[in-house]
């Protein structure tokens, strides 16, 4: 199976006392991102057994669409808003579908 779409899994770990603040920031980026050209899927998950653990599961039409997303003002603002709220740097991984 060949698929040119790009998948992203982005894991964000909040400080325990900042879970609600992180959730608010992350929820705020969903709708503008879903309106972007090339965005196929953009979901935010929260770990049921560890509420500090958030994961975005994304699908983009191309690397170019994803790169454009990463340069948008609403995405760039998230980094500043999350300063001091996270236990570690976000772990963002880009994948190609093999099968």
C-alpha atoms as a PDB file:
ATOM      1  CA  UNK A   1       0.000   0.000   0.000  1.00  0.00           C
ATOM      2  CA  UNK A   2       1.458   3.323  -1.014  1.00  0.00           C
ATOM      3  CA  UNK A   3       0.167   6.417   0.699  1.00  0.00           C
ATOM      4  CA  UNK A   4       1.673   9.861   0.275  1.00  0.00           C
ATOM      5  CA  UNK A   5      -0.113  11.204   3.330  1.00  0.00           C
ATOM      6  CA  UNK A   6       2.045  12.043   6.348  1.00  0.00           C
ATOM      7  CA  UNK A   7       1.114  10.948   9.835  1.00  0.00           C
ATOM      8  CA  UNK A   8       2.256  12.705  12.987  1.00  0.00           C
ATOM      9  CA  UNK A   9       2.180  11.570  16.578  1.00  0.00           C
ATOM     10  CA  UNK A  10       2.978  14.402  18.974  1.00  0.00           C
ATOM     11  CA  UNK A  11       3.193  13.712  22.691  1.00  0.00           C
ATOM     12  CA  UNK A  12       3.012  16.538  25.228  1.00  0.00           C
ATOM     13  CA  UNK A  13       3.511  15.980  28.966  1.00  0.00           C
ATOM     14  CA  UNK A  14       2.088  18.628  31.301  1.00  0.00           C
ATOM     15  CA  UNK A  15       3.373  19.391  34.751  1.00  0.00           C
ATOM     16  CA  UNK A  16       0.892  17.764  37.168  1.00  0.00           C
ATOM     17  CA  UNK A  17      -0.340  21.092  38.494  1.00  0.00           C
ATOM     18  CA  UNK A  18      -0.698  22.545  34.969  1.00  0.00           C
ATOM     19  CA  UNK A  19      -2.887  19.888  33.301  1.00  0.00           C
ATOM     20  CA  UNK A  20      -5.937  22.126  32.859  1.00  0.00           C
ATOM     21  CA  UNK A  21      -3.858  25.024  31.518  1.00  0.00           C
ATOM     22  CA  UNK A  22      -2.127  22.761  28.989  1.00  0.00           C
ATOM     23  CA  UNK A  23      -5.443  21.220  27.952  1.00  0.00           C
ATOM     24  CA  UNK A  24      -6.906  24.681  27.316  1.00  0.00           C
ATOM     25  CA  UNK A  25      -3.950  25.701  25.139  1.00  0.00           C
ATOM     26  CA  UNK A  26      -4.043  22.472  23.132  1.00  0.00           C
ATOM     27  CA  UNK A  27      -7.806  22.559  22.624  1.00  0.00           C
ATOM     28  CA  UNK A  28      -7.457  26.114  21.303  1.00  0.00           C
ATOM     29  CA  UNK A  29      -5.337  25.037  18.342  1.00  0.00           C
ATOM     30  CA  UNK A  30      -7.649  22.289  17.081  1.00  0.00           C
ATOM     31  CA  UNK A  31     -10.262  24.217  15.103  1.00  0.00           C
ATOM     32  CA  UNK A  32      -7.878  26.596  13.299  1.00  0.00           C
ATOM     33  CA  UNK A  33      -5.690  23.632  12.388  1.00  0.00           C
ATOM     34  CA  UNK A  34      -8.604  21.579  11.078  1.00  0.00           C
ATOM     35  CA  UNK A  35      -9.403  24.464   8.704  1.00  0.00           C
ATOM     36  CA  UNK A  36      -5.938  24.383   7.127  1.00  0.00           C
ATOM     37  CA  UNK A  37      -5.452  23.115   3.586  1.00  0.00           C
ATOM     38  CA  UNK A  38      -4.021  19.620   3.682  1.00  0.00           C
ATOM     39  CA  UNK A  39      -5.234  18.738   7.177  1.00  0.00           C
ATOM     40  CA  UNK A  40      -6.996  15.387   6.961  1.00  0.00           C
ATOM     41  CA  UNK A  41      -7.150  14.446  10.649  1.00  0.00           C
ATOM     42  CA  UNK A  42      -6.172  16.336  13.795  1.00  0.00           C
ATOM     43  CA  UNK A  43      -7.179  14.666  17.051  1.00  0.00           C
ATOM     44  CA  UNK A  44      -6.157  15.378  20.626  1.00  0.00           C
ATOM     45  CA  UNK A  45      -6.096  12.472  23.080  1.00  0.00           C
ATOM     46  CA  UNK A  46      -5.611  12.483  26.845  1.00  0.00           C
ATOM     47  CA  UNK A  47      -4.302   9.383  28.595  1.00  0.00           C
ATOM     48  CA  UNK A  48      -7.010   7.975  30.879  1.00  0.00           C
ATOM     49  CA  UNK A  49      -4.532   6.618  33.428  1.00  0.00           C
ATOM     50  CA  UNK A  50      -2.161   9.628  33.324  1.00  0.00           C
ATOM     51  CA  UNK A  51      -3.953  12.946  32.718  1.00  0.00           C
ATOM     52  CA  UNK A  52      -0.631  14.786  32.254  1.00  0.00           C
ATOM     53  CA  UNK A  53      -0.097  12.850  28.999  1.00  0.00           C
ATOM     54  CA  UNK A  54      -1.598  14.424  25.843  1.00  0.00           C
ATOM     55  CA  UNK A  55      -1.114  13.074  22.325  1.00  0.00           C
ATOM     56  CA  UNK A  56      -2.014  14.554  18.966  1.00  0.00           C
ATOM     57  CA  UNK A  57      -2.710  12.065  16.167  1.00  0.00           C
ATOM     58  CA  UNK A  58      -2.518  13.850  12.842  1.00  0.00           C
ATOM     59  CA  UNK A  59      -2.788  13.107   9.145  1.00  0.00           C
ATOM     60  CA  UNK A  60      -1.615  15.562   6.499  1.00  0.00           C
ATOM     61  CA  UNK A  61      -1.909  15.446   2.721  1.00  0.00           C
ATOM     62  CA  UNK A  62       1.833  16.088   2.287  1.00  0.00           C
ATOM     63  CA  UNK A  63       5.039  17.194   3.942  1.00  0.00           C
ATOM     64  CA  UNK A  64       4.399  20.649   2.479  1.00  0.00           C
ATOM     65  CA  UNK A  65       0.985  20.865   4.170  1.00  0.00           C
ATOM     66  CA  UNK A  66       2.533  19.865   7.486  1.00  0.00           C
ATOM     67  CA  UNK A  67       5.406  22.319   7.084  1.00  0.00           C
ATOM     68  CA  UNK A  68       2.902  25.090   6.314  1.00  0.00           C
ATOM     69  CA  UNK A  69       1.003  24.173   9.501  1.00  0.00           C
ATOM     70  CA  UNK A  70       4.185  24.403  11.564  1.00  0.00           C
ATOM     71  CA  UNK A  71       4.729  27.954  10.276  1.00  0.00           C
ATOM     72  CA  UNK A  72       1.213  29.263  11.048  1.00  0.00           C
ATOM     73  CA  UNK A  73       0.817  31.961  13.698  1.00  0.00           C
ATOM     74  CA  UNK A  74      -1.599  29.835  15.752  1.00  0.00           C
ATOM     75  CA  UNK A  75       0.897  26.959  15.900  1.00  0.00           C
ATOM     76  CA  UNK A  76       3.850  29.215  16.749  1.00  0.00           C
ATOM     77  CA  UNK A  77       1.860  30.855  19.564  1.00  0.00           C
ATOM     78  CA  UNK A  78       1.339  27.481  21.232  1.00  0.00           C
ATOM     79  CA  UNK A  79       5.042  27.195  22.079  1.00  0.00           C
ATOM     80  CA  UNK A  80       4.990  30.494  23.935  1.00  0.00           C
ATOM     81  CA  UNK A  81       1.734  29.646  25.713  1.00  0.00           C
ATOM     82  CA  UNK A  82       3.110  26.281  26.895  1.00  0.00           C
ATOM     83  CA  UNK A  83       6.322  27.772  28.328  1.00  0.00           C
ATOM     84  CA  UNK A  84       6.622  26.732  31.957  1.00  0.00           C
ATOM     85  CA  UNK A  85       3.666  24.329  31.742  1.00  0.00           C
ATOM     86  CA  UNK A  86       5.403  21.180  30.452  1.00  0.00           C
ATOM     87  CA  UNK A  87       7.421  18.471  32.180  1.00  0.00           C
ATOM     88  CA  UNK A  88       9.532  17.893  29.028  1.00  0.00           C
ATOM     89  CA  UNK A  89       9.922  19.130  25.480  1.00  0.00           C
ATOM     90  CA  UNK A  90       7.171  17.871  23.148  1.00  0.00           C
ATOM     91  CA  UNK A  91       8.017  14.644  21.315  1.00  0.00           C
ATOM     92  CA  UNK A  92       6.862  15.147  17.726  1.00  0.00           C
ATOM     93  CA  UNK A  93       7.363  12.322  15.240  1.00  0.00           C
ATOM     94  CA  UNK A  94       6.601  12.264  11.514  1.00  0.00           C
ATOM     95  CA  UNK A  95       5.662   8.941   9.874  1.00  0.00           C
ATOM     96  CA  UNK A  96       5.039   7.529   6.406  1.00  0.00           C
ATOM     97  CA  UNK A  97       2.522   4.721   5.979  1.00  0.00           C
ATOM     98  CA  UNK A  98       4.146   1.461   4.878  1.00  0.00           C
ATOM     99  CA  UNK A  99       1.184  -0.896   4.858  1.00  0.00           C
END
